[in-house]
C-alpha atoms as a PDB file:
ATOM      1  CA  MET A   1       0.001  -0.114   0.155  1.00  0.00           C
ATOM      2  CA  GLY A   2       1.233   3.486  -1.154  1.00  0.00           C
ATOM      3  CA  LEU A   3       1.316   6.427   0.833  1.00  0.00           C
ATOM      4  CA  TYR A   4      -1.462   7.994  -0.299  1.00  0.00           C
ATOM      5  CA  ASP A   5      -3.724   4.721  -0.983  1.00  0.00           C
ATOM      6  CA  LYS A   6      -5.431   5.369   2.719  1.00  0.00           C
ATOM      7  CA  TYR A   7      -6.759   8.541   1.037  1.00  0.00           C
ATOM      8  CA  ALA A   8      -7.979   7.816  -1.932  1.00  0.00           C
ATOM      9  CA  ARG A   9     -11.552   6.992  -0.344  1.00  0.00           C
ATOM     10  CA  LEU A  10     -11.713  10.350   1.011  1.00  0.00           C
ATOM     11  CA  ALA A  11     -10.244  12.716  -1.880  1.00  0.00           C
ATOM     12  CA  GLY A  12     -12.900  10.839  -4.105  1.00  0.00           C
ATOM     13  CA  GLU A  13     -15.788  11.821  -1.652  1.00  0.00           C
ATOM     14  CA  ARG A  14     -14.183  15.557  -1.493  1.00  0.00           C
ATOM     15  CA  LEU A  15     -14.406  15.404  -5.203  1.00  0.00           C
ATOM     16  CA  GLN A  16     -17.781  14.845  -5.082  1.00  0.00           C
ATOM     17  CA  PHE A  17     -18.765  17.736  -2.755  1.00  0.00           C
ATOM     18  CA  SER A  18     -16.298  20.262  -4.619  1.00  0.00           C
ATOM     19  CA  ASP A  19     -17.709  19.330  -8.484  1.00  0.00           C
ATOM     20  CA  ASN A  20     -21.190  20.077  -7.220  1.00  0.00           C
ATOM     21  CA  GLY A  21     -19.730  23.627  -5.491  1.00  0.00           C
ATOM     22  CA  LEU A  22     -19.753  22.421  -1.809  1.00  0.00           C
ATOM     23  CA  THR A  23     -16.416  23.106  -0.049  1.00  0.00           C
ATOM     24  CA  PRO A  24     -16.629  23.137   3.848  1.00  0.00           C
ATOM     25  CA  PHE A  25     -13.028  24.743   3.735  1.00  0.00           C
ATOM     26  CA  GLY A  26     -14.243  27.898   1.812  1.00  0.00           C
ATOM     27  CA  THR A  27     -17.264  28.724   3.927  1.00  0.00           C
ATOM     28  CA  CYS A  28     -17.773  32.068   3.574  1.00  0.00           C
ATOM     29  CA  ILE A  29     -18.343  34.246   7.422  1.00  0.00           C
ATOM     30  CA  ASP A  30     -20.789  36.965   5.746  1.00  0.00           C
ATOM     31  CA  GLU A  31     -21.049  38.814   8.896  1.00  0.00           C
ATOM     32  CA  VAL A  32     -18.939  38.715  12.428  1.00  0.00           C
ATOM     33  CA  TYR A  33     -21.479  39.794  14.995  1.00  0.00           C
ATOM     34  CA  SER A  34     -18.327  38.584  18.071  1.00  0.00           C
ATOM     35  CA  ALA A  35     -15.185  36.604  18.369  1.00  0.00           C
ATOM     36  CA  THR A  36     -17.290  33.399  19.345  1.00  0.00           C
ATOM     37  CA  GLU A  37     -20.571  34.399  16.923  1.00  0.00           C
ATOM     38  CA  GLY A  38     -21.319  35.316  13.053  1.00  0.00           C
ATOM     39  CA  ARG A  39     -23.689  34.876  10.161  1.00  0.00           C
ATOM     40  CA  ILE A  40     -23.293  32.187   7.319  1.00  0.00           C
ATOM     41  CA  GLY A  41     -25.717  33.058   5.350  1.00  0.00           C
ATOM     42  CA  ASN A  42     -29.256  33.436   6.741  1.00  0.00           C
ATOM     43  CA  LYS A  43     -28.350  31.315  10.065  1.00  0.00           C
ATOM     44  CA  LYS A  44     -26.374  32.590  13.196  1.00  0.00           C
ATOM     45  CA  VAL A  45     -23.557  30.517  14.107  1.00  0.00           C
ATOM     46  CA  ILE A  46     -20.944  30.043  16.913  1.00  0.00           C
ATOM     47  CA  LEU A  47     -17.367  30.428  15.456  1.00  0.00           C
ATOM     48  CA  ALA A  48     -15.560  27.289  16.636  1.00  0.00           C
ATOM     49  CA  GLY A  49     -13.323  26.495  13.794  1.00  0.00           C
ATOM     50  CA  THR A  50     -11.523  29.623  12.995  1.00  0.00           C
ATOM     51  CA  ASN A  51      -8.253  29.566  15.079  1.00  0.00           C
ATOM     52  CA  ASN A  52     -10.349  32.643  16.802  1.00  0.00           C
ATOM     53  CA  TYR A  53     -10.965  30.913  20.173  1.00  0.00           C
ATOM     54  CA  LEU A  54      -9.312  33.093  22.704  1.00  0.00           C
ATOM     55  CA  GLY A  55     -10.875  36.232  20.140  1.00  0.00           C
ATOM     56  CA  LEU A  56      -7.713  38.107  19.492  1.00  0.00           C
ATOM     57  CA  THR A  57      -8.118  38.898  16.129  1.00  0.00           C
ATOM     58  CA  PHE A  58     -11.690  40.332  17.397  1.00  0.00           C
ATOM     59  CA  ASN A  59     -11.641  44.522  17.061  1.00  0.00           C
ATOM     60  CA  HIS A  60     -15.201  46.280  17.074  1.00  0.00           C
END
């Protein structure tokens, strides 16, 4: 088994999403309310995966 063989299935699944215009890695945050809250589309969301868990990059 080659180094990348175990990831071939995962890469194929990712291509299915990107072929349809969907990408979980390029989600646009439309508005940031605070260091932990924002809006994506019409939905208010918790910003837990933005590497801003300490709130150091938010200046309002």
